N, C-alpha and C. Protein backbone atom coordinates (compact mmCIF):
# COMPACT_ATOMS: atom_id res chain seq x y z
N MET A 1 11.12 -14.50 -25.87
CA MET A 1 12.22 -14.03 -25.12
C MET A 1 12.18 -14.55 -23.70
N VAL A 2 13.41 -15.05 -23.27
CA VAL A 2 13.46 -15.64 -22.03
C VAL A 2 13.97 -14.50 -21.00
N SER A 3 13.24 -14.40 -19.83
CA SER A 3 13.72 -13.48 -18.84
C SER A 3 14.97 -13.97 -18.14
N PRO A 4 15.85 -13.10 -17.67
CA PRO A 4 17.14 -13.42 -17.04
C PRO A 4 16.83 -14.31 -15.77
N SER A 5 15.64 -14.12 -15.14
CA SER A 5 15.48 -14.88 -13.88
C SER A 5 15.04 -16.25 -14.03
N SER A 6 14.47 -16.60 -15.26
CA SER A 6 14.15 -17.92 -15.51
C SER A 6 15.15 -18.64 -16.31
N SER A 7 16.20 -17.98 -16.76
CA SER A 7 17.20 -18.66 -17.50
C SER A 7 18.07 -19.67 -16.55
N PRO A 8 18.56 -20.69 -17.06
CA PRO A 8 19.28 -21.71 -16.24
C PRO A 8 20.42 -21.13 -15.61
N SER A 9 20.66 -21.45 -14.30
CA SER A 9 21.79 -20.80 -13.62
C SER A 9 22.93 -21.80 -13.55
N SER A 10 24.02 -21.56 -12.95
CA SER A 10 25.13 -22.45 -12.92
C SER A 10 24.82 -23.73 -12.10
N SER A 11 25.61 -24.65 -12.19
CA SER A 11 25.54 -25.91 -11.61
C SER A 11 25.74 -25.93 -10.05
N GLY A 12 26.06 -24.69 -9.61
CA GLY A 12 26.39 -24.61 -8.20
C GLY A 12 25.15 -24.96 -7.23
N PHE A 13 23.99 -24.44 -7.62
CA PHE A 13 22.86 -24.82 -6.84
C PHE A 13 22.56 -26.22 -6.81
N PHE A 14 22.67 -26.85 -8.00
CA PHE A 14 22.47 -28.41 -8.08
C PHE A 14 23.54 -29.05 -7.16
N ALA A 15 24.75 -28.66 -7.25
CA ALA A 15 25.82 -29.31 -6.41
C ALA A 15 25.67 -29.22 -4.97
N ILE A 16 25.20 -27.96 -4.50
CA ILE A 16 25.13 -27.65 -3.07
C ILE A 16 23.92 -28.41 -2.57
N CYS A 17 22.73 -28.45 -3.41
CA CYS A 17 21.63 -29.11 -3.03
C CYS A 17 21.94 -30.70 -2.77
N LEU A 18 22.51 -31.19 -3.79
CA LEU A 18 22.97 -32.65 -3.75
C LEU A 18 23.84 -32.92 -2.53
N LEU A 19 24.85 -32.05 -2.32
CA LEU A 19 25.76 -32.23 -1.16
C LEU A 19 24.92 -32.29 0.20
N HIS A 20 24.08 -31.28 0.42
CA HIS A 20 23.23 -31.21 1.47
C HIS A 20 22.17 -32.34 1.65
N SER A 21 21.70 -32.82 0.49
CA SER A 21 20.74 -33.84 0.49
C SER A 21 21.47 -35.11 1.01
N VAL A 22 22.72 -35.37 0.47
CA VAL A 22 23.41 -36.61 0.87
C VAL A 22 23.76 -36.53 2.37
N VAL A 23 24.10 -35.37 2.83
CA VAL A 23 24.36 -35.27 4.30
C VAL A 23 23.12 -35.47 5.12
N ALA A 24 21.93 -34.96 4.77
CA ALA A 24 20.78 -35.03 5.48
C ALA A 24 20.24 -36.50 5.39
N VAL A 25 20.21 -37.12 4.33
CA VAL A 25 19.78 -38.52 4.17
C VAL A 25 20.65 -39.44 4.96
N THR A 26 21.99 -39.23 4.87
CA THR A 26 22.91 -40.08 5.69
C THR A 26 22.73 -40.00 7.14
N CYS A 27 22.73 -38.71 7.66
CA CYS A 27 22.53 -38.45 9.05
C CYS A 27 21.16 -38.97 9.53
N GLY A 28 20.15 -38.81 8.80
CA GLY A 28 18.89 -39.28 9.16
C GLY A 28 18.74 -40.75 9.21
N GLY A 29 19.28 -41.34 8.32
CA GLY A 29 19.39 -42.95 8.26
C GLY A 29 20.18 -43.45 9.40
N LEU A 30 21.22 -42.80 9.62
CA LEU A 30 22.05 -43.21 10.82
C LEU A 30 21.31 -42.96 12.20
N MET A 31 20.63 -41.94 12.19
CA MET A 31 19.77 -41.69 13.49
C MET A 31 18.72 -42.68 13.60
N MET A 32 18.08 -43.03 12.55
CA MET A 32 17.01 -44.04 12.64
C MET A 32 17.40 -45.49 12.98
N PHE A 33 18.58 -45.88 12.49
CA PHE A 33 18.92 -47.19 12.54
C PHE A 33 20.20 -47.47 13.34
N PHE A 34 21.05 -46.55 13.57
CA PHE A 34 22.28 -46.89 14.41
C PHE A 34 22.49 -45.68 15.37
N LEU A 35 21.48 -45.22 15.98
CA LEU A 35 21.65 -44.07 16.98
C LEU A 35 22.58 -44.42 18.07
N ASN A 36 22.54 -45.63 18.67
CA ASN A 36 23.46 -45.87 19.80
C ASN A 36 24.86 -45.95 19.36
N GLU A 37 25.18 -46.54 18.21
CA GLU A 37 26.59 -46.42 17.79
C GLU A 37 27.11 -45.10 17.42
N ILE A 38 26.21 -44.28 16.73
CA ILE A 38 26.58 -42.88 16.45
C ILE A 38 26.75 -42.07 17.70
N ALA A 39 25.96 -42.25 18.76
CA ALA A 39 26.02 -41.47 19.93
C ALA A 39 27.35 -41.86 20.64
N VAL A 40 27.77 -43.10 20.73
CA VAL A 40 28.97 -43.55 21.24
C VAL A 40 30.20 -42.90 20.53
N PHE A 41 30.13 -42.96 19.28
CA PHE A 41 31.17 -42.43 18.36
C PHE A 41 31.31 -40.95 18.50
N SER A 42 30.20 -40.18 18.56
CA SER A 42 30.27 -38.78 18.61
C SER A 42 30.42 -38.14 20.03
N HIS A 43 29.86 -38.85 20.98
CA HIS A 43 29.81 -38.24 22.28
C HIS A 43 30.64 -39.03 23.35
N GLY A 44 30.97 -40.21 22.98
CA GLY A 44 31.64 -41.12 24.08
C GLY A 44 30.73 -42.01 24.68
N SER A 45 31.11 -43.12 25.23
CA SER A 45 30.27 -44.10 25.84
C SER A 45 29.37 -43.61 27.10
N GLU A 46 30.11 -42.80 27.89
CA GLU A 46 29.48 -42.42 29.16
C GLU A 46 28.33 -41.47 28.79
N THR A 47 28.61 -40.49 28.00
CA THR A 47 27.60 -39.51 27.61
C THR A 47 26.42 -40.10 26.83
N ALA A 48 26.77 -41.07 25.91
CA ALA A 48 25.76 -41.78 25.21
C ALA A 48 24.84 -42.57 26.07
N ARG A 49 25.39 -43.16 27.06
CA ARG A 49 24.62 -43.86 28.11
C ARG A 49 23.60 -42.98 28.85
N LYS A 50 24.12 -41.84 29.17
CA LYS A 50 23.23 -40.76 29.82
C LYS A 50 22.06 -40.25 28.78
N LEU A 51 22.38 -40.15 27.64
CA LEU A 51 21.37 -39.61 26.71
C LEU A 51 20.34 -40.69 26.34
N GLN A 52 20.51 -41.90 26.78
CA GLN A 52 19.57 -43.00 26.37
C GLN A 52 18.36 -43.00 27.36
N GLY A 53 18.51 -42.39 28.48
CA GLY A 53 17.50 -42.36 29.50
C GLY A 53 17.68 -43.38 30.60
N SER A 54 16.95 -43.15 31.70
CA SER A 54 17.27 -44.12 32.89
C SER A 54 16.20 -45.11 33.07
N THR A 55 14.92 -44.89 32.59
CA THR A 55 13.91 -45.87 32.85
C THR A 55 13.46 -46.45 31.49
N PRO A 56 12.95 -47.63 31.39
CA PRO A 56 12.52 -48.14 30.10
C PRO A 56 11.48 -47.16 29.26
N HIS A 57 10.67 -46.55 30.05
CA HIS A 57 9.75 -45.67 29.45
C HIS A 57 10.45 -44.44 28.78
N ASP A 58 11.48 -43.90 29.50
CA ASP A 58 12.23 -42.79 29.00
C ASP A 58 12.96 -43.17 27.78
N GLN A 59 13.57 -44.39 27.89
CA GLN A 59 14.43 -44.93 26.74
C GLN A 59 13.50 -45.09 25.53
N LEU A 60 12.36 -45.58 25.60
CA LEU A 60 11.46 -45.73 24.46
C LEU A 60 11.00 -44.46 23.92
N LEU A 61 10.73 -43.49 24.76
CA LEU A 61 10.35 -42.15 24.38
C LEU A 61 11.50 -41.50 23.54
N ILE A 62 12.73 -41.63 24.16
CA ILE A 62 13.93 -40.97 23.48
C ILE A 62 14.22 -41.70 22.13
N GLN A 63 14.07 -43.00 22.09
CA GLN A 63 14.36 -43.72 20.77
C GLN A 63 13.29 -43.36 19.79
N THR A 64 12.05 -43.25 20.25
CA THR A 64 10.97 -42.82 19.24
C THR A 64 11.19 -41.44 18.76
N SER A 65 11.58 -40.53 19.65
CA SER A 65 11.89 -39.18 19.19
C SER A 65 13.05 -38.99 18.29
N ASP A 66 14.05 -39.72 18.59
CA ASP A 66 15.28 -39.74 17.74
C ASP A 66 15.01 -40.27 16.34
N SER A 67 14.15 -41.39 16.39
CA SER A 67 13.82 -42.00 15.08
C SER A 67 12.92 -41.07 14.17
N PHE A 68 12.06 -40.33 14.78
CA PHE A 68 11.27 -39.30 14.07
C PHE A 68 12.15 -38.15 13.63
N ALA A 69 13.07 -37.79 14.39
CA ALA A 69 14.04 -36.73 13.99
C ALA A 69 14.77 -37.24 12.77
N GLY A 70 15.24 -38.40 12.85
CA GLY A 70 15.94 -39.03 11.72
C GLY A 70 15.09 -39.16 10.39
N LEU A 71 13.82 -39.59 10.65
CA LEU A 71 12.97 -39.64 9.53
C LEU A 71 12.72 -38.12 8.84
N LEU A 72 12.63 -37.11 9.74
CA LEU A 72 12.52 -35.83 9.25
C LEU A 72 13.73 -35.40 8.53
N LEU A 73 14.88 -35.72 8.97
CA LEU A 73 16.10 -35.42 8.22
C LEU A 73 16.14 -36.06 6.89
N MET A 74 15.66 -37.34 6.81
CA MET A 74 15.58 -38.05 5.48
C MET A 74 14.66 -37.30 4.55
N ALA A 75 13.56 -36.87 5.12
CA ALA A 75 12.54 -36.23 4.28
C ALA A 75 13.11 -34.90 3.81
N ILE A 76 13.79 -34.16 4.61
CA ILE A 76 14.52 -32.91 4.23
C ILE A 76 15.52 -33.16 3.13
N GLY A 77 16.28 -34.42 3.31
CA GLY A 77 17.21 -34.70 2.24
C GLY A 77 16.59 -34.94 0.97
N PHE A 78 15.44 -35.70 0.94
CA PHE A 78 14.72 -35.88 -0.36
C PHE A 78 14.23 -34.69 -1.01
N LEU A 79 13.69 -33.77 -0.07
CA LEU A 79 13.17 -32.46 -0.54
C LEU A 79 14.27 -31.71 -1.12
N LEU A 80 15.43 -31.61 -0.59
CA LEU A 80 16.56 -31.00 -1.14
C LEU A 80 17.01 -31.60 -2.56
N PHE A 81 16.88 -32.89 -2.64
CA PHE A 81 17.17 -33.59 -3.93
C PHE A 81 16.24 -33.07 -4.93
N MET A 82 14.94 -33.00 -4.62
CA MET A 82 13.90 -32.62 -5.65
C MET A 82 14.17 -31.10 -5.99
N VAL A 83 14.39 -30.22 -4.96
CA VAL A 83 14.60 -28.85 -5.22
C VAL A 83 15.85 -28.54 -6.07
N SER A 84 16.77 -29.35 -6.03
CA SER A 84 18.03 -29.28 -6.81
C SER A 84 17.79 -29.17 -8.27
N PHE A 85 16.69 -29.62 -8.90
CA PHE A 85 16.43 -29.59 -10.29
C PHE A 85 15.68 -28.37 -10.70
N VAL A 86 15.33 -27.44 -9.74
CA VAL A 86 14.64 -26.23 -10.14
C VAL A 86 15.66 -25.34 -10.78
N LYS A 87 15.21 -24.70 -11.98
CA LYS A 87 16.09 -23.82 -12.74
C LYS A 87 15.90 -22.36 -12.54
N ASP A 88 14.88 -22.02 -11.79
CA ASP A 88 14.54 -20.57 -11.72
C ASP A 88 15.58 -19.92 -10.67
N ARG A 89 16.19 -18.89 -11.29
CA ARG A 89 17.19 -18.17 -10.40
C ARG A 89 16.58 -17.49 -9.18
N ASP A 90 15.35 -16.92 -9.36
CA ASP A 90 14.77 -16.17 -8.26
C ASP A 90 14.41 -17.18 -7.15
N PHE A 91 13.91 -18.32 -7.53
CA PHE A 91 13.65 -19.30 -6.46
C PHE A 91 14.92 -19.86 -5.85
N GLN A 92 15.94 -20.07 -6.60
CA GLN A 92 17.25 -20.49 -6.11
C GLN A 92 17.80 -19.57 -5.11
N ALA A 93 17.74 -18.27 -5.33
CA ALA A 93 18.17 -17.21 -4.44
C ALA A 93 17.32 -17.15 -3.21
N PHE A 94 16.00 -17.28 -3.35
CA PHE A 94 15.10 -17.25 -2.31
C PHE A 94 15.37 -18.57 -1.34
N PHE A 95 15.42 -19.64 -2.00
CA PHE A 95 15.76 -20.97 -1.30
C PHE A 95 17.05 -20.89 -0.48
N ALA A 96 18.09 -20.38 -1.10
CA ALA A 96 19.42 -20.24 -0.50
C ALA A 96 19.48 -19.28 0.68
N LYS A 97 18.74 -18.20 0.55
CA LYS A 97 18.51 -17.24 1.75
C LYS A 97 17.89 -17.91 2.90
N GLY A 98 16.86 -18.74 2.56
CA GLY A 98 16.05 -19.50 3.64
C GLY A 98 16.95 -20.49 4.27
N CYS A 99 17.83 -21.11 3.54
CA CYS A 99 18.82 -22.07 4.06
C CYS A 99 19.86 -21.40 5.01
N VAL A 100 20.24 -20.26 4.60
CA VAL A 100 21.27 -19.48 5.35
C VAL A 100 20.58 -19.06 6.71
N LEU A 101 19.32 -18.61 6.61
CA LEU A 101 18.60 -18.27 7.82
C LEU A 101 18.39 -19.52 8.72
N LEU A 102 18.08 -20.71 8.22
CA LEU A 102 17.92 -21.81 8.98
C LEU A 102 19.19 -22.26 9.67
N HIS A 103 20.38 -22.35 8.94
CA HIS A 103 21.56 -22.70 9.49
C HIS A 103 22.01 -21.77 10.61
N ALA A 104 21.80 -20.36 10.30
CA ALA A 104 22.15 -19.36 11.37
C ALA A 104 21.27 -19.56 12.64
N SER A 105 19.99 -19.75 12.42
CA SER A 105 19.14 -20.15 13.65
C SER A 105 19.67 -21.30 14.36
N MET A 106 20.03 -22.34 13.70
CA MET A 106 20.61 -23.49 14.34
C MET A 106 21.96 -23.19 15.14
N ALA A 107 22.72 -22.40 14.54
CA ALA A 107 23.98 -21.99 15.17
C ALA A 107 23.66 -21.24 16.52
N LEU A 108 22.68 -20.27 16.43
CA LEU A 108 22.29 -19.48 17.62
C LEU A 108 21.77 -20.39 18.66
N TRP A 109 20.92 -21.33 18.16
CA TRP A 109 20.32 -22.38 19.23
C TRP A 109 21.54 -23.00 19.96
N ARG A 110 22.47 -23.45 19.19
CA ARG A 110 23.63 -24.22 19.89
C ARG A 110 24.38 -23.25 20.83
N VAL A 111 24.58 -21.95 20.49
CA VAL A 111 25.37 -21.03 21.31
C VAL A 111 24.61 -20.78 22.57
N TYR A 112 23.36 -20.47 22.46
CA TYR A 112 22.54 -20.04 23.58
C TYR A 112 21.88 -21.09 24.45
N PHE A 113 21.58 -22.19 23.86
CA PHE A 113 20.83 -23.17 24.73
C PHE A 113 21.66 -24.60 24.75
N GLU A 114 22.18 -25.07 23.63
CA GLU A 114 22.79 -26.41 23.72
C GLU A 114 24.04 -26.46 24.62
N ARG A 115 24.83 -25.42 24.64
CA ARG A 115 26.02 -25.37 25.37
C ARG A 115 25.73 -25.41 26.93
N ARG A 116 24.63 -25.14 27.28
CA ARG A 116 24.19 -25.21 28.72
C ARG A 116 23.79 -26.58 29.29
N VAL A 117 23.53 -27.49 28.30
CA VAL A 117 23.37 -28.80 28.63
C VAL A 117 24.73 -29.52 29.05
N ASP A 118 24.91 -29.83 30.20
CA ASP A 118 26.15 -30.32 30.67
C ASP A 118 26.70 -31.45 29.76
N ASP A 119 25.88 -32.50 29.49
CA ASP A 119 26.25 -33.60 28.71
C ASP A 119 26.72 -33.24 27.38
N LEU A 120 26.28 -32.28 26.77
CA LEU A 120 26.55 -31.86 25.43
C LEU A 120 27.46 -30.66 25.28
N ALA A 121 27.87 -30.18 26.48
CA ALA A 121 28.68 -28.88 26.35
C ALA A 121 30.03 -29.03 25.64
N ARG A 122 30.54 -30.23 25.67
CA ARG A 122 31.83 -30.45 24.98
C ARG A 122 31.69 -30.50 23.41
N ASP A 123 30.54 -30.88 22.98
CA ASP A 123 30.30 -31.10 21.54
C ASP A 123 29.76 -29.89 20.72
N TRP A 124 29.27 -28.85 21.38
CA TRP A 124 28.56 -27.84 20.63
C TRP A 124 29.47 -26.99 19.82
N PRO A 125 30.76 -26.76 20.14
CA PRO A 125 31.71 -25.96 19.15
C PRO A 125 31.89 -26.74 17.94
N ARG A 126 32.09 -27.98 17.88
CA ARG A 126 32.23 -28.68 16.74
C ARG A 126 30.98 -28.69 15.92
N GLN A 127 29.80 -28.83 16.38
CA GLN A 127 28.55 -28.73 15.67
C GLN A 127 28.33 -27.27 15.15
N LEU A 128 28.77 -26.29 15.96
CA LEU A 128 28.53 -25.00 15.48
C LEU A 128 29.40 -24.73 14.23
N VAL A 129 30.60 -25.28 14.22
CA VAL A 129 31.45 -25.17 13.02
C VAL A 129 30.80 -25.83 11.79
N GLY A 130 30.11 -26.94 12.00
CA GLY A 130 29.42 -27.65 10.96
C GLY A 130 28.21 -26.71 10.37
N ASP A 131 27.48 -26.09 11.36
CA ASP A 131 26.42 -25.26 10.95
C ASP A 131 26.96 -24.09 10.18
N ILE A 132 28.01 -23.51 10.56
CA ILE A 132 28.64 -22.34 9.83
C ILE A 132 29.15 -22.76 8.49
N MET A 133 29.68 -23.96 8.35
CA MET A 133 30.30 -24.42 7.09
C MET A 133 28.97 -24.70 6.08
N LEU A 134 27.93 -25.35 6.53
CA LEU A 134 26.78 -25.56 5.71
C LEU A 134 26.12 -24.23 5.34
N SER A 135 26.00 -23.21 6.25
CA SER A 135 25.57 -21.89 5.79
C SER A 135 26.53 -21.13 4.87
N LEU A 136 27.78 -21.26 5.06
CA LEU A 136 28.74 -20.72 4.20
C LEU A 136 28.72 -21.15 2.78
N SER A 137 28.33 -22.45 2.64
CA SER A 137 28.18 -22.98 1.18
C SER A 137 27.02 -22.17 0.49
N TRP A 138 25.87 -21.86 1.17
CA TRP A 138 24.84 -21.12 0.62
C TRP A 138 25.15 -19.70 0.41
N VAL A 139 25.91 -19.08 1.30
CA VAL A 139 26.33 -17.68 1.17
C VAL A 139 27.28 -17.58 -0.06
N LEU A 140 28.06 -18.51 -0.26
CA LEU A 140 29.07 -18.46 -1.48
C LEU A 140 28.26 -18.70 -2.70
N PHE A 141 27.19 -19.45 -2.72
CA PHE A 141 26.38 -19.60 -3.82
C PHE A 141 25.65 -18.28 -4.15
N LEU A 142 25.14 -17.65 -3.12
CA LEU A 142 24.40 -16.30 -3.26
C LEU A 142 25.41 -15.35 -3.84
N ILE A 143 26.62 -15.24 -3.30
CA ILE A 143 27.66 -14.24 -3.82
C ILE A 143 27.98 -14.56 -5.34
N TYR A 144 28.10 -15.90 -5.61
CA TYR A 144 28.49 -16.22 -6.93
C TYR A 144 27.31 -15.89 -7.98
N SER A 145 26.07 -16.16 -7.56
CA SER A 145 24.96 -15.91 -8.34
C SER A 145 24.69 -14.44 -8.48
N TRP A 146 24.95 -13.67 -7.51
CA TRP A 146 24.87 -12.18 -7.55
C TRP A 146 25.80 -11.62 -8.57
N ARG A 147 27.09 -12.10 -8.51
CA ARG A 147 28.12 -11.74 -9.42
C ARG A 147 27.75 -12.06 -10.78
N GLU A 148 27.26 -13.24 -11.02
CA GLU A 148 26.85 -13.75 -12.30
C GLU A 148 25.79 -12.88 -12.82
N LYS A 149 24.80 -12.50 -11.97
CA LYS A 149 23.62 -11.73 -12.47
C LYS A 149 24.03 -10.26 -12.86
N TYR A 150 25.08 -9.73 -12.11
CA TYR A 150 25.25 -8.30 -12.41
C TYR A 150 26.58 -8.01 -13.15
N ASP A 151 27.19 -9.11 -13.75
CA ASP A 151 28.31 -8.85 -14.58
C ASP A 151 27.93 -8.81 -16.04
């Protein structure tokens, strides 16, 4: 007899994980290899120039930090890809709750700290909407799986 928690769930978890995986791998790759172009595109040329640093040492340190952040995003994307194949409903719900908490924490970070950085103050509302949308996808999955479990 198969317990309800280990039975295969809907393809929603798989789809959401793949979507988030593609976003993370793409953003990570762009951060690692095309950071200057992405900074100019998203922040404008003046702000991008300020974010590069003023001395060669600062520029190298910032480039290294951004490359490692991109590498971390790519690793998260590959991890999401691997997790998308897990069929255990209990794990899926636990993972989705953790992702909601992560995105909510990032949104709070943007509201309380990132908006105070003068060079980034104009961009935080757009990024906040992105965090809320990513979190909302997991919340909708949790609602759908809860409804599926108790119907």
